[in-house]
Amino acid sequence: MYKRLKVKGKRSKVKKELVKYARLIVKAGFVIGSGGNISAKVGDIVYLKARDAALGKAGPKDFVGYSLSKDKLISKKAASHEWRLHLG
């Protein structure tokens, strides 16, 4: 399932949208248990789920940012183990 979102504004709005779609993905049965991941690219930043956060229970603080231009994580939490797949 791929959906292009037009999100203008602060990163908190992006993270809230990620929470919304993460819960929809879990509700639809596309993931089992705490598995699954989701990301969104806004400008130079890719937002993705933090490591050890369950997709269906993740809140806005459970998403981290990765700067493509700086080639580094810009959040205090660690990104999921599959973070490189989301930069593609």
N, C-alpha and C. Protein backbone atom coordinates (compact mmCIF):
# COMPACT_ATOMS: atom_id res chain seq x y z
N MET A 1 0.86 -1.17 0.00
CA MET A 1 0.00 0.00 0.00
C MET A 1 0.91 1.23 0.00
N TYR A 2 0.74 2.09 -0.97
CA TYR A 2 1.55 3.29 -1.07
C TYR A 2 0.60 4.47 -1.26
N LYS A 3 0.81 5.47 -0.44
CA LYS A 3 -0.02 6.66 -0.57
C LYS A 3 0.86 7.88 -0.42
N ARG A 4 0.77 8.78 -1.35
CA ARG A 4 1.54 10.02 -1.27
C ARG A 4 0.73 11.02 -0.47
N LEU A 5 1.32 11.49 0.62
CA LEU A 5 0.65 12.46 1.47
C LEU A 5 1.21 13.85 1.22
N LYS A 6 0.36 14.82 1.18
CA LYS A 6 0.81 16.20 1.08
C LYS A 6 0.71 16.80 2.48
N VAL A 7 1.84 16.89 3.14
CA VAL A 7 1.85 17.37 4.51
C VAL A 7 2.70 18.63 4.57
N LYS A 8 2.07 19.71 4.90
CA LYS A 8 2.79 20.97 5.06
C LYS A 8 2.84 21.29 6.54
N GLY A 9 3.92 21.85 6.97
CA GLY A 9 4.00 22.25 8.37
C GLY A 9 5.07 21.52 9.13
N LYS A 10 4.87 21.50 10.41
CA LYS A 10 5.87 20.99 11.32
C LYS A 10 5.96 19.48 11.31
N ARG A 11 7.08 19.00 11.83
CA ARG A 11 7.30 17.56 11.89
C ARG A 11 6.28 16.86 12.78
N SER A 12 5.72 17.57 13.76
CA SER A 12 4.72 16.93 14.62
C SER A 12 3.50 16.50 13.81
N LYS A 13 3.15 17.28 12.79
CA LYS A 13 2.01 16.92 11.94
C LYS A 13 2.34 15.67 11.12
N VAL A 14 3.56 15.59 10.63
CA VAL A 14 4.00 14.41 9.87
C VAL A 14 3.94 13.18 10.77
N LYS A 15 4.45 13.32 11.97
CA LYS A 15 4.46 12.19 12.90
C LYS A 15 3.05 11.76 13.27
N LYS A 16 2.13 12.69 13.41
CA LYS A 16 0.74 12.34 13.70
C LYS A 16 0.12 11.58 12.54
N GLU A 17 0.45 11.96 11.32
CA GLU A 17 -0.04 11.25 10.14
C GLU A 17 0.54 9.84 10.10
N LEU A 18 1.81 9.69 10.46
CA LEU A 18 2.42 8.37 10.49
C LEU A 18 1.72 7.48 11.52
N VAL A 19 1.40 8.03 12.66
CA VAL A 19 0.68 7.27 13.70
C VAL A 19 -0.67 6.81 13.16
N LYS A 20 -1.37 7.72 12.51
CA LYS A 20 -2.69 7.40 11.94
C LYS A 20 -2.61 6.23 10.96
N TYR A 21 -1.67 6.31 10.02
CA TYR A 21 -1.56 5.26 9.02
C TYR A 21 -0.95 3.98 9.58
N ALA A 22 -0.09 4.08 10.57
CA ALA A 22 0.45 2.88 11.22
C ALA A 22 -0.68 2.08 11.85
N ARG A 23 -1.57 2.76 12.52
CA ARG A 23 -2.70 2.08 13.17
C ARG A 23 -3.65 1.47 12.14
N LEU A 24 -3.85 2.16 11.02
CA LEU A 24 -4.68 1.60 9.95
C LEU A 24 -4.06 0.34 9.35
N ILE A 25 -2.76 0.34 9.20
CA ILE A 25 -2.04 -0.82 8.65
C ILE A 25 -2.21 -2.02 9.58
N VAL A 26 -2.05 -1.78 10.87
CA VAL A 26 -2.20 -2.86 11.86
C VAL A 26 -3.65 -3.35 11.88
N LYS A 27 -4.58 -2.43 11.89
CA LYS A 27 -6.01 -2.78 11.93
C LYS A 27 -6.41 -3.61 10.71
N ALA A 28 -5.82 -3.31 9.56
CA ALA A 28 -6.12 -4.04 8.33
C ALA A 28 -5.49 -5.43 8.32
N GLY A 29 -4.62 -5.73 9.29
CA GLY A 29 -4.02 -7.05 9.38
C GLY A 29 -2.79 -7.24 8.51
N PHE A 30 -2.15 -6.17 8.09
CA PHE A 30 -0.96 -6.28 7.25
C PHE A 30 0.31 -6.64 8.03
N VAL A 31 0.25 -6.55 9.35
CA VAL A 31 1.40 -6.91 10.19
C VAL A 31 0.92 -7.80 11.33
N ILE A 32 1.86 -8.54 11.89
CA ILE A 32 1.56 -9.44 13.01
C ILE A 32 2.38 -8.99 14.21
N GLY A 33 1.77 -8.98 15.36
CA GLY A 33 2.48 -8.63 16.59
C GLY A 33 3.02 -7.21 16.56
N SER A 34 4.27 -7.06 16.97
CA SER A 34 4.87 -5.73 17.02
C SER A 34 5.61 -5.39 15.73
N GLY A 35 5.53 -6.24 14.73
CA GLY A 35 6.26 -6.04 13.48
C GLY A 35 5.72 -4.90 12.65
N GLY A 36 6.35 -4.68 11.54
CA GLY A 36 5.92 -3.66 10.60
C GLY A 36 6.65 -2.35 10.76
N ASN A 37 6.64 -1.57 9.71
CA ASN A 37 7.30 -0.28 9.71
C ASN A 37 6.60 0.62 8.71
N ILE A 38 6.84 1.90 8.84
CA ILE A 38 6.23 2.90 7.97
C ILE A 38 7.16 4.10 7.95
N SER A 39 7.16 4.82 6.84
CA SER A 39 8.00 6.02 6.76
C SER A 39 7.34 7.05 5.85
N ALA A 40 7.82 8.27 5.97
CA ALA A 40 7.34 9.36 5.12
C ALA A 40 8.52 10.30 4.86
N LYS A 41 8.65 10.72 3.61
CA LYS A 41 9.70 11.67 3.25
C LYS A 41 9.06 13.04 3.07
N VAL A 42 9.59 13.99 3.79
CA VAL A 42 9.12 15.37 3.70
C VAL A 42 10.35 16.24 3.49
N GLY A 43 10.47 16.76 2.28
CA GLY A 43 11.66 17.54 1.96
C GLY A 43 12.90 16.68 2.05
N ASP A 44 13.83 17.09 2.89
CA ASP A 44 15.11 16.42 3.06
C ASP A 44 15.06 15.33 4.14
N ILE A 45 13.97 15.24 4.86
CA ILE A 45 13.90 14.35 6.02
C ILE A 45 13.00 13.15 5.75
N VAL A 46 13.49 11.97 6.13
CA VAL A 46 12.69 10.76 6.10
C VAL A 46 12.36 10.43 7.54
N TYR A 47 11.08 10.33 7.84
CA TYR A 47 10.61 9.97 9.18
C TYR A 47 10.24 8.49 9.18
N LEU A 48 10.72 7.74 10.17
CA LEU A 48 10.42 6.33 10.27
C LEU A 48 10.32 5.91 11.72
N LYS A 49 9.81 4.71 11.92
CA LYS A 49 9.56 4.21 13.27
C LYS A 49 10.87 3.96 13.99
N ALA A 50 10.88 4.30 15.26
CA ALA A 50 12.06 4.06 16.10
C ALA A 50 12.19 2.58 16.43
N ARG A 51 13.40 2.18 16.74
CA ARG A 51 13.67 0.80 17.13
C ARG A 51 12.89 0.46 18.40
N ASP A 52 12.42 -0.75 18.47
CA ASP A 52 11.70 -1.30 19.63
C ASP A 52 10.33 -0.68 19.87
N ALA A 53 9.79 0.05 18.92
CA ALA A 53 8.44 0.60 19.04
C ALA A 53 7.49 -0.30 18.25
N ALA A 54 6.41 -0.73 18.88
CA ALA A 54 5.42 -1.56 18.20
C ALA A 54 4.60 -0.67 17.26
N LEU A 55 4.44 -1.09 16.03
CA LEU A 55 3.78 -0.26 15.03
C LEU A 55 2.38 0.17 15.46
N GLY A 56 1.58 -0.75 15.98
CA GLY A 56 0.21 -0.45 16.34
C GLY A 56 0.06 0.40 17.59
N LYS A 57 1.12 0.49 18.37
CA LYS A 57 1.07 1.26 19.61
C LYS A 57 1.97 2.49 19.57
N ALA A 58 2.62 2.71 18.45
CA ALA A 58 3.55 3.83 18.32
C ALA A 58 2.83 5.17 18.38
N GLY A 59 3.41 6.11 19.09
CA GLY A 59 2.91 7.47 19.15
C GLY A 59 3.87 8.39 18.40
N PRO A 60 3.58 9.67 18.33
CA PRO A 60 4.45 10.60 17.61
C PRO A 60 5.92 10.58 18.07
N LYS A 61 6.15 10.32 19.34
CA LYS A 61 7.53 10.29 19.86
C LYS A 61 8.28 9.03 19.44
N ASP A 62 7.56 8.07 18.86
CA ASP A 62 8.18 6.82 18.42
C ASP A 62 8.62 6.86 16.95
N PHE A 63 8.65 8.05 16.37
CA PHE A 63 9.13 8.22 15.01
C PHE A 63 10.35 9.13 15.02
N VAL A 64 11.36 8.74 14.25
CA VAL A 64 12.62 9.48 14.22
C VAL A 64 12.84 10.07 12.84
N GLY A 65 13.71 11.06 12.75
CA GLY A 65 14.01 11.70 11.49
C GLY A 65 15.42 11.39 11.03
N TYR A 66 15.57 11.24 9.72
CA TYR A 66 16.89 11.01 9.11
C TYR A 66 17.07 12.06 8.03
N SER A 67 18.14 12.85 8.13
CA SER A 67 18.43 13.89 7.14
C SER A 67 19.19 13.27 5.97
N LEU A 68 18.61 13.38 4.79
CA LEU A 68 19.28 12.86 3.60
C LEU A 68 20.49 13.69 3.21
N SER A 69 20.42 15.00 3.34
CA SER A 69 21.54 15.85 2.95
C SER A 69 22.72 15.74 3.92
N LYS A 70 22.41 15.54 5.19
CA LYS A 70 23.48 15.40 6.20
C LYS A 70 23.88 13.95 6.39
N ASP A 71 23.10 13.03 5.81
CA ASP A 71 23.35 11.60 5.89
C ASP A 71 23.51 11.14 7.33
N LYS A 72 22.55 11.58 8.18
CA LYS A 72 22.60 11.15 9.58
C LYS A 72 21.24 11.25 10.24
N LEU A 73 21.12 10.48 11.30
CA LEU A 73 19.91 10.50 12.12
C LEU A 73 19.86 11.81 12.88
N ILE A 74 18.70 12.44 12.92
CA ILE A 74 18.59 13.73 13.62
C ILE A 74 17.67 13.62 14.83
N SER A 75 17.59 12.42 15.38
CA SER A 75 16.76 12.17 16.55
C SER A 75 17.59 11.47 17.61
N LYS A 76 17.14 11.55 18.84
CA LYS A 76 17.85 10.91 19.95
C LYS A 76 17.63 9.40 19.97
N LYS A 77 16.45 8.95 19.58
CA LYS A 77 16.15 7.52 19.56
C LYS A 77 16.79 6.87 18.35
N ALA A 78 17.07 5.58 18.47
CA ALA A 78 17.61 4.82 17.34
C ALA A 78 16.50 4.48 16.36
N ALA A 79 16.83 4.46 15.10
CA ALA A 79 15.86 4.09 14.06
C ALA A 79 15.70 2.58 14.02
N SER A 80 14.63 2.12 13.40
CA SER A 80 14.39 0.68 13.27
C SER A 80 15.57 0.02 12.56
N HIS A 81 15.69 -1.28 12.72
CA HIS A 81 16.80 -2.00 12.10
C HIS A 81 16.76 -1.93 10.57
N GLU A 82 15.58 -1.73 10.00
CA GLU A 82 15.43 -1.67 8.53
C GLU A 82 15.53 -0.26 7.98
N TRP A 83 16.07 0.69 8.71
CA TRP A 83 16.04 2.08 8.32
C TRP A 83 16.60 2.34 6.93
N ARG A 84 17.61 1.58 6.53
CA ARG A 84 18.21 1.81 5.20
C ARG A 84 17.23 1.55 4.06
N LEU A 85 16.30 0.62 4.26
CA LEU A 85 15.30 0.33 3.24
C LEU A 85 14.39 1.52 2.96
N HIS A 86 14.20 2.37 3.94
CA HIS A 86 13.30 3.51 3.82
C HIS A 86 13.95 4.71 3.13
N LEU A 87 15.26 4.67 2.96
CA LEU A 87 15.96 5.80 2.34
C LEU A 87 16.03 5.67 0.83
N GLY A 88 15.77 4.47 0.31
CA GLY A 88 15.89 4.07 -1.05
C GLY A 88 15.42 4.96 -2.08
